[in-house]
Amino acid sequence: MRDPTKRFGRYLQRWWDAQLQAADDGGPLRGRDVEALASEFRRAAQFEVAQAAFLHRRPDAATAAAVVGRLQPPPSEGEAAVLTEALVRAGSSAQRVRTVTTAGALVTVLALVLRNVLRGR
């Protein structure tokens, strides 16, 4: 199986290239804060297995910094800090969503089983 960190790194590089091409006076991040970027990464993870696999592993700051550190051309120190924190927050949120979804599915299955048991009486 492919390494999710490397696959996510390729996605992040494509994303970074697009940000640099669309950059204006606000820089590549165009004034977006950590929460806005984390939300963008979470939305991307809904549609791409590579992003989801990386974020669901809930990357720590060192792992996120390593992925951000491989971007070419490298982001400024401030941009790197914002991107790293955004990846950590996106991973944390993705893990919470996954846990809540799993719990919801379990409750639904238990309710269906209970309903079928009670109908059988």
PDB file of N, CA and C in Angstrom:
ATOM      1  N   MET A   1       0.841  -1.184   0.000  1.00  0.00           N
ATOM      2  CA  MET A   1       0.000   0.000   0.000  1.00  0.00           C
ATOM      3  C   MET A   1       0.884   1.244   0.000  1.00  0.00           C
ATOM      4  N   ARG A   2       0.468   2.248  -0.696  1.00  0.00           N
ATOM      5  CA  ARG A   2       1.236   3.480  -0.781  1.00  0.00           C
ATOM      6  C   ARG A   2       1.230   4.224   0.548  1.00  0.00           C
ATOM      7  N   ASP A   3       2.270   5.008   0.730  1.00  0.00           N
ATOM      8  CA  ASP A   3       2.412   5.803   1.938  1.00  0.00           C
ATOM      9  C   ASP A   3       1.467   7.005   1.871  1.00  0.00           C
ATOM     10  N   PRO A   4       0.494   7.105   2.796  1.00  0.00           N
ATOM     11  CA  PRO A   4      -0.453   8.223   2.758  1.00  0.00           C
ATOM     12  C   PRO A   4       0.236   9.586   2.902  1.00  0.00           C
ATOM     13  N   THR A   5       1.336   9.631   3.636  1.00  0.00           N
ATOM     14  CA  THR A   5       2.033  10.898   3.823  1.00  0.00           C
ATOM     15  C   THR A   5       2.608  11.394   2.495  1.00  0.00           C
ATOM     16  N   LYS A   6       3.197  10.495   1.711  1.00  0.00           N
ATOM     17  CA  LYS A   6       3.752  10.894   0.414  1.00  0.00           C
ATOM     18  C   LYS A   6       2.636  11.300  -0.546  1.00  0.00           C
ATOM     19  N   ARG A   7       1.550  10.544  -0.537  1.00  0.00           N
ATOM     20  CA  ARG A   7       0.432  10.878  -1.424  1.00  0.00           C
ATOM     21  C   ARG A   7      -0.168  12.225  -1.044  1.00  0.00           C
ATOM     22  N   PHE A   8      -0.299  12.471   0.250  1.00  0.00           N
ATOM     23  CA  PHE A   8      -0.822  13.757   0.679  1.00  0.00           C
ATOM     24  C   PHE A   8       0.169  14.863   0.319  1.00  0.00           C
ATOM     25  N   GLY A   9       1.451  14.573   0.409  1.00  0.00           N
ATOM     26  CA  GLY A   9       2.466  15.550   0.028  1.00  0.00           C
ATOM     27  C   GLY A   9       2.334  15.964  -1.427  1.00  0.00           C
ATOM     28  N   ARG A  10       2.025  15.006  -2.300  1.00  0.00           N
ATOM     29  CA  ARG A  10       1.825  15.335  -3.717  1.00  0.00           C
ATOM     30  C   ARG A  10       0.582  16.205  -3.902  1.00  0.00           C
ATOM     31  N   TYR A  11      -0.488  15.867  -3.176  1.00  0.00           N
ATOM     32  CA  TYR A  11      -1.687  16.703  -3.225  1.00  0.00           C
ATOM     33  C   TYR A  11      -1.359  18.114  -2.742  1.00  0.00           C
ATOM     34  N   LEU A  12      -0.649  18.226  -1.627  1.00  0.00           N
ATOM     35  CA  LEU A  12      -0.328  19.532  -1.062  1.00  0.00           C
ATOM     36  C   LEU A  12       0.554  20.338  -2.015  1.00  0.00           C
ATOM     37  N   GLN A  13       1.456  19.676  -2.729  1.00  0.00           N
ATOM     38  CA  GLN A  13       2.297  20.379  -3.693  1.00  0.00           C
ATOM     39  C   GLN A  13       1.449  20.946  -4.831  1.00  0.00           C
ATOM     40  N   ARG A  14       0.495  20.151  -5.336  1.00  0.00           N
ATOM     41  CA  ARG A  14      -0.399  20.657  -6.381  1.00  0.00           C
ATOM     42  C   ARG A  14      -1.218  21.833  -5.862  1.00  0.00           C
ATOM     43  N   TRP A  15      -1.699  21.714  -4.632  1.00  0.00           N
ATOM     44  CA  TRP A  15      -2.478  22.782  -4.015  1.00  0.00           C
ATOM     45  C   TRP A  15      -1.612  24.040  -3.874  1.00  0.00           C
ATOM     46  N   TRP A  16      -0.371  23.866  -3.411  1.00  0.00           N
ATOM     47  CA  TRP A  16       0.549  24.993  -3.216  1.00  0.00           C
ATOM     48  C   TRP A  16       0.855  25.677  -4.545  1.00  0.00           C
ATOM     49  N   ASP A  17       1.085  24.888  -5.598  1.00  0.00           N
ATOM     50  CA  ASP A  17       1.341  25.464  -6.923  1.00  0.00           C
ATOM     51  C   ASP A  17       0.157  26.312  -7.379  1.00  0.00           C
ATOM     52  N   ALA A  18      -1.060  25.817  -7.164  1.00  0.00           N
ATOM     53  CA  ALA A  18      -2.261  26.559  -7.538  1.00  0.00           C
ATOM     54  C   ALA A  18      -2.372  27.856  -6.727  1.00  0.00           C
ATOM     55  N   GLN A  19      -2.003  27.803  -5.458  1.00  0.00           N
ATOM     56  CA  GLN A  19      -2.062  29.002  -4.619  1.00  0.00           C
ATOM     57  C   GLN A  19      -1.060  30.049  -5.095  1.00  0.00           C
ATOM     58  N   LEU A  20       0.122  29.587  -5.475  1.00  0.00           N
ATOM     59  CA  LEU A  20       1.144  30.522  -5.949  1.00  0.00           C
ATOM     60  C   LEU A  20       0.733  31.173  -7.267  1.00  0.00           C
ATOM     61  N   GLN A  21       0.110  30.409  -8.143  1.00  0.00           N
ATOM     62  CA  GLN A  21      -0.318  30.965  -9.422  1.00  0.00           C
ATOM     63  C   GLN A  21      -1.462  31.959  -9.260  1.00  0.00           C
ATOM     64  N   ALA A  22      -2.301  31.732  -8.279  1.00  0.00           N
ATOM     65  CA  ALA A  22      -3.450  32.609  -8.054  1.00  0.00           C
ATOM     66  C   ALA A  22      -3.135  33.733  -7.066  1.00  0.00           C
ATOM     67  N   ALA A  23      -1.904  33.774  -6.558  1.00  0.00           N
ATOM     68  CA  ALA A  23      -1.536  34.743  -5.526  1.00  0.00           C
ATOM     69  C   ALA A  23      -1.669  36.168  -6.029  1.00  0.00           C
ATOM     70  N   ASP A  24      -2.102  37.012  -5.133  1.00  0.00           N
ATOM     71  CA  ASP A  24      -2.165  38.438  -5.416  1.00  0.00           C
ATOM     72  C   ASP A  24      -1.357  39.156  -4.333  1.00  0.00           C
ATOM     73  N   ASP A  25      -1.713  40.373  -4.028  1.00  0.00           N
ATOM     74  CA  ASP A  25      -0.967  41.119  -3.011  1.00  0.00           C
ATOM     75  C   ASP A  25      -1.086  40.508  -1.622  1.00  0.00           C
ATOM     76  N   GLY A  26      -2.087  39.668  -1.412  1.00  0.00           N
ATOM     77  CA  GLY A  26      -2.272  39.031  -0.110  1.00  0.00           C
ATOM     78  C   GLY A  26      -1.387  37.816   0.089  1.00  0.00           C
ATOM     79  N   GLY A  27      -0.567  37.481  -0.886  1.00  0.00           N
ATOM     80  CA  GLY A  27       0.294  36.314  -0.785  1.00  0.00           C
ATOM     81  C   GLY A  27      -0.456  35.056  -1.150  1.00  0.00           C
ATOM     82  N   PRO A  28       0.245  33.924  -1.136  1.00  0.00           N
ATOM     83  CA  PRO A  28      -0.385  32.679  -1.564  1.00  0.00           C
ATOM     84  C   PRO A  28      -1.553  32.243  -0.678  1.00  0.00           C
ATOM     85  N   LEU A  29      -1.537  32.635   0.589  1.00  0.00           N
ATOM     86  CA  LEU A  29      -2.632  32.233   1.476  1.00  0.00           C
ATOM     87  C   LEU A  29      -3.779  33.231   1.432  1.00  0.00           C
ATOM     88  N   ARG A  30      -3.579  34.355   0.779  1.00  0.00           N
ATOM     89  CA  ARG A  30      -4.602  35.382   0.561  1.00  0.00           C
ATOM     90  C   ARG A  30      -5.396  35.713   1.820  1.00  0.00           C
ATOM     91  N   GLY A  31      -4.687  35.859   2.915  1.00  0.00           N
ATOM     92  CA  GLY A  31      -5.325  36.286   4.156  1.00  0.00           C
ATOM     93  C   GLY A  31      -6.124  35.221   4.875  1.00  0.00           C
ATOM     94  N   ARG A  32      -6.120  33.991   4.377  1.00  0.00           N
ATOM     95  CA  ARG A  32      -6.876  32.928   5.056  1.00  0.00           C
ATOM     96  C   ARG A  32      -6.155  32.526   6.338  1.00  0.00           C
ATOM     97  N   ASP A  33      -6.933  32.278   7.359  1.00  0.00           N
ATOM     98  CA  ASP A  33      -6.344  31.869   8.631  1.00  0.00           C
ATOM     99  C   ASP A  33      -6.295  30.346   8.729  1.00  0.00           C
ATOM    100  N   VAL A  34      -5.852  29.880   9.870  1.00  0.00           N
ATOM    101  CA  VAL A  34      -5.682  28.441  10.089  1.00  0.00           C
ATOM    102  C   VAL A  34      -7.001  27.700   9.932  1.00  0.00           C
ATOM    103  N   GLU A  35      -8.067  28.235  10.494  1.00  0.00           N
ATOM    104  CA  GLU A  35      -9.365  27.550  10.424  1.00  0.00           C
ATOM    105  C   GLU A  35      -9.875  27.455   8.990  1.00  0.00           C
ATOM    106  N   ALA A  36      -9.707  28.517   8.225  1.00  0.00           N
ATOM    107  CA  ALA A  36     -10.158  28.493   6.823  1.00  0.00           C
ATOM    108  C   ALA A  36      -9.387  27.450   6.030  1.00  0.00           C
ATOM    109  N   LEU A  37      -8.087  27.364   6.252  1.00  0.00           N
ATOM    110  CA  LEU A  37      -7.286  26.367   5.537  1.00  0.00           C
ATOM    111  C   LEU A  37      -7.609  24.952   6.001  1.00  0.00           C
ATOM    112  N   ALA A  38      -7.798  24.779   7.308  1.00  0.00           N
ATOM    113  CA  ALA A  38      -8.157  23.456   7.828  1.00  0.00           C
ATOM    114  C   ALA A  38      -9.480  22.994   7.228  1.00  0.00           C
ATOM    115  N   SER A  39     -10.434  23.909   7.115  1.00  0.00           N
ATOM    116  CA  SER A  39     -11.720  23.579   6.512  1.00  0.00           C
ATOM    117  C   SER A  39     -11.551  23.186   5.048  1.00  0.00           C
ATOM    118  N   GLU A  40     -10.687  23.895   4.343  1.00  0.00           N
ATOM    119  CA  GLU A  40     -10.430  23.569   2.934  1.00  0.00           C
ATOM    120  C   GLU A  40      -9.821  22.174   2.797  1.00  0.00           C
ATOM    121  N   PHE A  41      -8.882  21.837   3.678  1.00  0.00           N
ATOM    122  CA  PHE A  41      -8.253  20.512   3.627  1.00  0.00           C
ATOM    123  C   PHE A  41      -9.248  19.419   3.998  1.00  0.00           C
ATOM    124  N   ARG A  42     -10.131  19.687   4.966  1.00  0.00           N
ATOM    125  CA  ARG A  42     -11.155  18.696   5.336  1.00  0.00           C
ATOM    126  C   ARG A  42     -12.114  18.449   4.179  1.00  0.00           C
ATOM    127  N   ARG A  43     -12.521  19.525   3.486  1.00  0.00           N
ATOM    128  CA  ARG A  43     -13.422  19.362   2.333  1.00  0.00           C
ATOM    129  C   ARG A  43     -12.759  18.537   1.240  1.00  0.00           C
ATOM    130  N   ALA A  44     -11.480  18.781   1.001  1.00  0.00           N
ATOM    131  CA  ALA A  44     -10.759  18.001  -0.016  1.00  0.00           C
ATOM    132  C   ALA A  44     -10.705  16.529   0.384  1.00  0.00           C
ATOM    133  N   ALA A  45     -10.596  16.258   1.670  1.00  0.00           N
ATOM    134  CA  ALA A  45     -10.508  14.874   2.151  1.00  0.00           C
ATOM    135  C   ALA A  45     -11.811  14.116   1.951  1.00  0.00           C
ATOM    136  N   GLN A  46     -12.912  14.826   1.790  1.00  0.00           N
ATOM    137  CA  GLN A  46     -14.186  14.151   1.559  1.00  0.00           C
ATOM    138  C   GLN A  46     -14.228  13.478   0.195  1.00  0.00           C
ATOM    139  N   PHE A  47     -13.404  13.953  -0.731  1.00  0.00           N
ATOM    140  CA  PHE A  47     -13.472  13.465  -2.101  1.00  0.00           C
ATOM    141  C   PHE A  47     -12.232  12.703  -2.547  1.00  0.00           C
ATOM    142  N   GLU A  48     -11.179  12.738  -1.776  1.00  0.00           N
ATOM    143  CA  GLU A  48      -9.924  12.096  -2.163  1.00  0.00           C
ATOM    144  C   GLU A  48      -9.455  11.145  -1.074  1.00  0.00           C
ATOM    145  N   VAL A  49      -9.236   9.914  -1.437  1.00  0.00           N
ATOM    146  CA  VAL A  49      -8.806   8.904  -0.478  1.00  0.00           C
ATOM    147  C   VAL A  49      -7.434   9.245   0.108  1.00  0.00           C
ATOM    148  N   ALA A  50      -6.535   9.770  -0.712  1.00  0.00           N
ATOM    149  CA  ALA A  50      -5.184  10.089  -0.238  1.00  0.00           C
ATOM    150  C   ALA A  50      -5.232  11.124   0.883  1.00  0.00           C
ATOM    151  N   GLN A  51      -6.031  12.158   0.710  1.00  0.00           N
ATOM    152  CA  GLN A  51      -6.134  13.170   1.753  1.00  0.00           C
ATOM    153  C   GLN A  51      -6.792  12.595   3.004  1.00  0.00           C
ATOM    154  N   ALA A  52      -7.841  11.825   2.812  1.00  0.00           N
ATOM    155  CA  ALA A  52      -8.549  11.251   3.950  1.00  0.00           C
ATOM    156  C   ALA A  52      -7.647  10.305   4.739  1.00  0.00           C
ATOM    157  N   ALA A  53      -6.897   9.472   4.043  1.00  0.00           N
ATOM    158  CA  ALA A  53      -6.013   8.521   4.725  1.00  0.00           C
ATOM    159  C   ALA A  53      -4.977   9.250   5.568  1.00  0.00           C
ATOM    160  N   PHE A  54      -4.445  10.343   5.054  1.00  0.00           N
ATOM    161  CA  PHE A  54      -3.448  11.111   5.801  1.00  0.00           C
ATOM    162  C   PHE A  54      -4.100  11.814   6.994  1.00  0.00           C
ATOM    163  N   LEU A  55      -5.214  12.495   6.761  1.00  0.00           N
ATOM    164  CA  LEU A  55      -5.837  13.274   7.831  1.00  0.00           C
ATOM    165  C   LEU A  55      -6.436  12.391   8.917  1.00  0.00           C
ATOM    166  N   HIS A  56      -6.964  11.220   8.557  1.00  0.00           N
ATOM    167  CA  HIS A  56      -7.555  10.345   9.566  1.00  0.00           C
ATOM    168  C   HIS A  56      -6.504   9.738  10.484  1.00  0.00           C
ATOM    169  N   ARG A  57      -5.255   9.780  10.065  1.00  0.00           N
ATOM    170  CA  ARG A  57      -4.183   9.327  10.956  1.00  0.00           C
ATOM    171  C   ARG A  57      -3.826  10.404  11.976  1.00  0.00           C
ATOM    172  N   ARG A  58      -4.506  11.529  11.876  1.00  0.00           N
ATOM    173  CA  ARG A  58      -4.348  12.661  12.794  1.00  0.00           C
ATOM    174  C   ARG A  58      -2.876  13.053  12.927  1.00  0.00           C
ATOM    175  N   PRO A  59      -2.335  13.697  11.885  1.00  0.00           N
ATOM    176  CA  PRO A  59      -0.913  14.045  11.903  1.00  0.00           C
ATOM    177  C   PRO A  59      -0.568  14.995  13.042  1.00  0.00           C
ATOM    178  N   ASP A  60       0.568  14.752  13.669  1.00  0.00           N
ATOM    179  CA  ASP A  60       1.038  15.668  14.698  1.00  0.00           C
ATOM    180  C   ASP A  60       1.795  16.812  14.030  1.00  0.00           C
ATOM    181  N   ALA A  61       2.266  17.748  14.832  1.00  0.00           N
ATOM    182  CA  ALA A  61       2.932  18.932  14.277  1.00  0.00           C
ATOM    183  C   ALA A  61       4.199  18.559  13.514  1.00  0.00           C
ATOM    184  N   ALA A  62       4.936  17.561  13.984  1.00  0.00           N
ATOM    185  CA  ALA A  62       6.185  17.168  13.314  1.00  0.00           C
ATOM    186  C   ALA A  62       5.894  16.564  11.936  1.00  0.00           C
ATOM    187  N   THR A  63       4.890  15.705  11.855  1.00  0.00           N
ATOM    188  CA  THR A  63       4.533  15.096  10.569  1.00  0.00           C
ATOM    189  C   THR A  63       4.028  16.154   9.597  1.00  0.00           C
ATOM    190  N   ALA A  64       3.166  17.040  10.082  1.00  0.00           N
ATOM    191  CA  ALA A  64       2.635  18.107   9.227  1.00  0.00           C
ATOM    192  C   ALA A  64       3.759  19.033   8.769  1.00  0.00           C
ATOM    193  N   ALA A  65       4.669  19.359   9.675  1.00  0.00           N
ATOM    194  CA  ALA A  65       5.791  20.240   9.313  1.00  0.00           C
ATOM    195  C   ALA A  65       6.690  19.575   8.271  1.00  0.00           C
ATOM    196  N   ALA A  66       6.857  18.263   8.362  1.00  0.00           N
ATOM    197  CA  ALA A  66       7.680  17.548   7.379  1.00  0.00           C
ATOM    198  C   ALA A  66       7.045  17.612   5.992  1.00  0.00           C
ATOM    199  N   VAL A  67       5.722  17.458   5.925  1.00  0.00           N
ATOM    200  CA  VAL A  67       5.023  17.527   4.632  1.00  0.00           C
ATOM    201  C   VAL A  67       5.116  18.945   4.073  1.00  0.00           C
ATOM    202  N   VAL A  68       4.879  19.933   4.917  1.00  0.00           N
ATOM    203  CA  VAL A  68       4.946  21.333   4.482  1.00  0.00           C
ATOM    204  C   VAL A  68       6.379  21.693   4.088  1.00  0.00           C
ATOM    205  N   GLY A  69       7.347  21.120   4.783  1.00  0.00           N
ATOM    206  CA  GLY A  69       8.750  21.412   4.500  1.00  0.00           C
ATOM    207  C   GLY A  69       9.217  20.939   3.132  1.00  0.00           C
ATOM    208  N   ARG A  70       8.481  20.028   2.511  1.00  0.00           N
ATOM    209  CA  ARG A  70       8.865  19.518   1.186  1.00  0.00           C
ATOM    210  C   ARG A  70       8.284  20.344   0.040  1.00  0.00           C
ATOM    211  N   LEU A  71       7.496  21.367   0.347  1.00  0.00           N
ATOM    212  CA  LEU A  71       6.899  22.188  -0.705  1.00  0.00           C
ATOM    213  C   LEU A  71       7.981  22.964  -1.454  1.00  0.00           C
ATOM    214  N   GLN A  72       7.783  23.068  -2.772  1.00  0.00           N
ATOM    215  CA  GLN A  72       8.703  23.825  -3.624  1.00  0.00           C
ATOM    216  C   GLN A  72       7.916  24.830  -4.435  1.00  0.00           C
ATOM    217  N   PRO A  73       8.240  26.066  -4.491  1.00  0.00           N
ATOM    218  CA  PRO A  73       9.204  26.745  -3.638  1.00  0.00           C
ATOM    219  C   PRO A  73       8.694  26.771  -2.199  1.00  0.00           C
ATOM    220  N   PRO A  74       9.617  26.770  -1.258  1.00  0.00           N
ATOM    221  CA  PRO A  74       9.193  26.687   0.140  1.00  0.00           C
ATOM    222  C   PRO A  74       8.395  27.917   0.574  1.00  0.00           C
ATOM    223  N   PRO A  75       7.398  27.689   1.420  1.00  0.00           N
ATOM    224  CA  PRO A  75       6.636  28.828   1.952  1.00  0.00           C
ATOM    225  C   PRO A  75       7.493  29.613   2.941  1.00  0.00           C
ATOM    226  N   SER A  76       7.093  30.842   3.196  1.00  0.00           N
ATOM    227  CA  SER A  76       7.794  31.633   4.214  1.00  0.00           C
ATOM    228  C   SER A  76       7.584  30.970   5.571  1.00  0.00           C
ATOM    229  N   GLU A  77       8.322  31.426   6.560  1.00  0.00           N
ATOM    230  CA  GLU A  77       8.194  30.838   7.896  1.00  0.00           C
ATOM    231  C   GLU A  77       6.774  30.969   8.429  1.00  0.00           C
ATOM    232  N   GLY A  78       6.187  32.141   8.241  1.00  0.00           N
ATOM    233  CA  GLY A  78       4.818  32.368   8.717  1.00  0.00           C
ATOM    234  C   GLY A  78       3.809  31.500   7.982  1.00  0.00           C
ATOM    235  N   GLU A  79       3.967  31.393   6.661  1.00  0.00           N
ATOM    236  CA  GLU A  79       3.065  30.556   5.870  1.00  0.00           C
ATOM    237  C   GLU A  79       3.211  29.089   6.261  1.00  0.00           C
ATOM    238  N   ALA A  80       4.440  28.655   6.498  1.00  0.00           N
ATOM    239  CA  ALA A  80       4.674  27.262   6.895  1.00  0.00           C
ATOM    240  C   ALA A  80       4.017  26.969   8.235  1.00  0.00           C
ATOM    241  N   ALA A  81       4.100  27.914   9.159  1.00  0.00           N
ATOM    242  CA  ALA A  81       3.477  27.720  10.471  1.00  0.00           C
ATOM    243  C   ALA A  81       1.957  27.619  10.343  1.00  0.00           C
ATOM    244  N   VAL A  82       1.382  28.474   9.507  1.00  0.00           N
ATOM    245  CA  VAL A  82      -0.073  28.448   9.309  1.00  0.00           C
ATOM    246  C   VAL A  82      -0.494  27.139   8.639  1.00  0.00           C
ATOM    247  N   LEU A  83       0.232  26.721   7.614  1.00  0.00           N
ATOM    248  CA  LEU A  83      -0.102  25.466   6.922  1.00  0.00           C
ATOM    249  C   LEU A  83       0.032  24.267   7.851  1.00  0.00           C
ATOM    250  N   THR A  84       1.092  24.243   8.653  1.00  0.00           N
ATOM    251  CA  THR A  84       1.303  23.126   9.587  1.00  0.00           C
ATOM    252  C   THR A  84       0.161  23.046  10.581  1.00  0.00           C
ATOM    253  N   GLU A  85      -0.199  24.170  11.184  1.00  0.00           N
ATOM    254  CA  GLU A  85      -1.292  24.179  12.153  1.00  0.00           C
ATOM    255  C   GLU A  85      -2.613  23.803  11.493  1.00  0.00           C
ATOM    256  N   ALA A  86      -2.823  24.244  10.257  1.00  0.00           N
ATOM    257  CA  ALA A  86      -4.054  23.898   9.544  1.00  0.00           C
ATOM    258  C   ALA A  86      -4.148  22.386   9.315  1.00  0.00           C
ATOM    259  N   LEU A  87      -3.030  21.753   8.958  1.00  0.00           N
ATOM    260  CA  LEU A  87      -3.043  20.297   8.754  1.00  0.00           C
ATOM    261  C   LEU A  87      -3.329  19.557  10.057  1.00  0.00           C
ATOM    262  N   VAL A  88      -2.748  20.017  11.153  1.00  0.00           N
ATOM    263  CA  VAL A  88      -2.991  19.377  12.454  1.00  0.00           C
ATOM    264  C   VAL A  88      -4.462  19.514  12.828  1.00  0.00           C
ATOM    265  N   ARG A  89      -5.020  20.706  12.659  1.00  0.00           N
ATOM    266  CA  ARG A  89      -6.444  20.913  12.992  1.00  0.00           C
ATOM    267  C   ARG A  89      -7.361  20.130  12.065  1.00  0.00           C
ATOM    268  N   ALA A  90      -7.025  20.078  10.785  1.00  0.00           N
ATOM    269  CA  ALA A  90      -7.850  19.314   9.842  1.00  0.00           C
ATOM    270  C   ALA A  90      -7.855  17.837  10.221  1.00  0.00           C
ATOM    271  N   GLY A  91      -6.696  17.312  10.613  1.00  0.00           N
ATOM    272  CA  GLY A  91      -6.621  15.916  11.037  1.00  0.00           C
ATOM    273  C   GLY A  91      -7.435  15.650  12.282  1.00  0.00           C
ATOM    274  N   SER A  92      -7.361  16.563  13.227  1.00  0.00           N
ATOM    275  CA  SER A  92      -8.130  16.412  14.465  1.00  0.00           C
ATOM    276  C   SER A  92      -9.627  16.425  14.174  1.00  0.00           C
ATOM    277  N   SER A  93     -10.062  17.354  13.340  1.00  0.00           N
ATOM    278  CA  SER A  93     -11.487  17.435  12.988  1.00  0.00           C
ATOM    279  C   SER A  93     -11.932  16.221  12.185  1.00  0.00           C
ATOM    280  N   ALA A  94     -11.101  15.782  11.253  1.00  0.00           N
ATOM    281  CA  ALA A  94     -11.453  14.613  10.441  1.00  0.00           C
ATOM    282  C   ALA A  94     -11.622  13.384  11.322  1.00  0.00           C
ATOM    283  N   GLN A  95     -10.776  13.237  12.327  1.00  0.00           N
ATOM    284  CA  GLN A  95     -10.877  12.095  13.239  1.00  0.00           C
ATOM    285  C   GLN A  95     -12.164  12.178  14.052  1.00  0.00           C
ATOM    286  N   ARG A  96     -12.522  13.378  14.517  1.00  0.00           N
ATOM    287  CA  ARG A  96     -13.772  13.544  15.279  1.00  0.00           C
ATOM    288  C   ARG A  96     -14.979  13.202  14.414  1.00  0.00           C
ATOM    289  N   VAL A  97     -14.979  13.680  13.177  1.00  0.00           N
ATOM    290  CA  VAL A  97     -16.101  13.395  12.266  1.00  0.00           C
ATOM    291  C   VAL A  97     -16.210  11.902  12.023  1.00  0.00           C
ATOM    292  N   ARG A  98     -15.083  11.257  11.841  1.00  0.00           N
ATOM    293  CA  ARG A  98     -15.081   9.804  11.609  1.00  0.00           C
ATOM    294  C   ARG A  98     -15.644   9.073  12.821  1.00  0.00           C
ATOM    295  N   THR A  99     -15.257   9.491  14.018  1.00  0.00           N
ATOM    296  CA  THR A  99     -15.729   8.855  15.249  1.00  0.00           C
ATOM    297  C   THR A  99     -17.234   9.059  15.420  1.00  0.00           C
ATOM    298  N   VAL A 100     -17.706  10.281  15.198  1.00  0.00           N
ATOM    299  CA  VAL A 100     -19.133  10.572  15.341  1.00  0.00           C
ATOM    300  C   VAL A 100     -19.943   9.798  14.307  1.00  0.00           C
ATOM    301  N   THR A 101     -19.443   9.711  13.085  1.00  0.00           N
ATOM    302  CA  THR A 101     -20.142   8.969  12.034  1.00  0.00           C
ATOM    303  C   THR A 101     -20.241   7.489  12.398  1.00  0.00           C
ATOM    304  N   THR A 102     -19.162   6.933  12.915  1.00  0.00           N
ATOM    305  CA  THR A 102     -19.163   5.528  13.330  1.00  0.00           C
ATOM    306  C   THR A 102     -20.149   5.307  14.474  1.00  0.00           C
ATOM    307  N   ALA A 103     -20.144   6.205  15.450  1.00  0.00           N
ATOM    308  CA  ALA A 103     -21.073   6.079  16.579  1.00  0.00           C
ATOM    309  C   ALA A 103     -22.517   6.185  16.094  1.00  0.00           C
ATOM    310  N   GLY A 104     -22.776   7.103  15.180  1.00  0.00           N
ATOM    311  CA  GLY A 104     -24.128   7.242  14.630  1.00  0.00           C
ATOM    312  C   GLY A 104     -24.576   5.995  13.899  1.00  0.00           C
ATOM    313  N   ALA A 105     -23.668   5.391  13.148  1.00  0.00           N
ATOM    314  CA  ALA A 105     -24.000   4.156  12.428  1.00  0.00           C
ATOM    315  C   ALA A 105     -24.305   3.031  13.408  1.00  0.00           C
ATOM    316  N   LEU A 106     -23.544   2.942  14.482  1.00  0.00           N
ATOM    317  CA  LEU A 106     -23.795   1.906  15.495  1.00  0.00           C
ATOM    318  C   LEU A 106     -25.160   2.090  16.154  1.00  0.00           C
ATOM    319  N   VAL A 107     -25.504   3.310  16.493  1.00  0.00           N
ATOM    320  CA  VAL A 107     -26.803   3.576  17.106  1.00  0.00           C
ATOM    321  C   VAL A 107     -27.922   3.208  16.139  1.00  0.00           C
ATOM    322  N   THR A 108     -27.759   3.520  14.876  1.00  0.00           N
ATOM    323  CA  THR A 108     -28.765   3.179  13.874  1.00  0.00           C
ATOM    324  C   THR A 108     -28.943   1.667  13.766  1.00  0.00           C
ATOM    325  N   VAL A 109     -27.844   0.937  13.722  1.00  0.00           N
ATOM    326  CA  VAL A 109     -27.917  -0.527  13.633  1.00  0.00           C
ATOM    327  C   VAL A 109     -28.587  -1.100  14.879  1.00  0.00           C
ATOM    328  N   LEU A 110     -28.215  -0.604  16.050  1.00  0.00           N
ATOM    329  CA  LEU A 110     -28.837  -1.099  17.283  1.00  0.00           C
ATOM    330  C   LEU A 110     -30.334  -0.794  17.309  1.00  0.00           C
ATOM    331  N   ALA A 111     -30.730   0.371  16.838  1.00  0.00           N
ATOM    332  CA  ALA A 111     -32.150   0.718  16.794  1.00  0.00           C
ATOM    333  C   ALA A 111     -32.912  -0.210  15.843  1.00  0.00           C
ATOM    334  N   LEU A 112     -32.313  -0.525  14.709  1.00  0.00           N
ATOM    335  CA  LEU A 112     -32.964  -1.439  13.762  1.00  0.00           C
ATOM    336  C   LEU A 112     -33.085  -2.847  14.344  1.00  0.00           C
ATOM    337  N   VAL A 113     -32.049  -3.297  15.016  1.00  0.00           N
ATOM    338  CA  VAL A 113     -32.101  -4.629  15.645  1.00  0.00           C
ATOM    339  C   VAL A 113     -33.165  -4.648  16.724  1.00  0.00           C
ATOM    340  N   LEU A 114     -33.196  -3.629  17.560  1.00  0.00           N
ATOM    341  CA  LEU A 114     -34.195  -3.558  18.624  1.00  0.00           C
ATOM    342  C   LEU A 114     -35.610  -3.524  18.040  1.00  0.00           C
ATOM    343  N   ARG A 115     -35.802  -2.750  16.972  1.00  0.00           N
ATOM    344  CA  ARG A 115     -37.105  -2.698  16.334  1.00  0.00           C
ATOM    345  C   ARG A 115     -37.521  -4.070  15.809  1.00  0.00           C
ATOM    346  N   ASN A 116     -36.601  -4.769  15.182  1.00  0.00           N
ATOM    347  CA  ASN A 116     -36.920  -6.101  14.657  1.00  0.00           C
ATOM    348  C   ASN A 116     -37.202  -7.095  15.771  1.00  0.00           C
ATOM    349  N   VAL A 117     -36.493  -6.986  16.875  1.00  0.00           N
ATOM    350  CA  VAL A 117     -36.733  -7.877  18.031  1.00  0.00           C
ATOM    351  C   VAL A 117     -38.118  -7.609  18.606  1.00  0.00           C
ATOM    352  N   LEU A 118     -38.461  -6.329  18.761  1.00  0.00           N
ATOM    353  CA  LEU A 118     -39.763  -5.992  19.336  1.00  0.00           C
ATOM    354  C   LEU A 118     -40.907  -6.368  18.392  1.00  0.00           C
ATOM    355  N   ARG A 119     -40.708  -6.293  17.099  1.00  0.00           N
ATOM    356  CA  ARG A 119     -41.737  -6.708  16.136  1.00  0.00           C
ATOM    357  C   ARG A 119     -41.935  -8.213  16.166  1.00  0.00           C
ATOM    358  N   GLY A 120     -40.915  -8.934  16.517  1.00  0.00           N
ATOM    359  CA  GLY A 120     -41.002 -10.381  16.535  1.00  0.00           C
ATOM    360  C   GLY A 120     -41.847 -10.913  17.687  1.00  0.00           C
ATOM    361  N   ARG A 121     -42.172 -10.115  18.635  1.00  0.00           N
ATOM    362  CA  ARG A 121     -42.969 -10.554  19.803  1.00  0.00           C
ATOM    363  C   ARG A 121     -44.395 -10.736  19.471  1.00  0.00           C
TER     364      ARG A 121
END
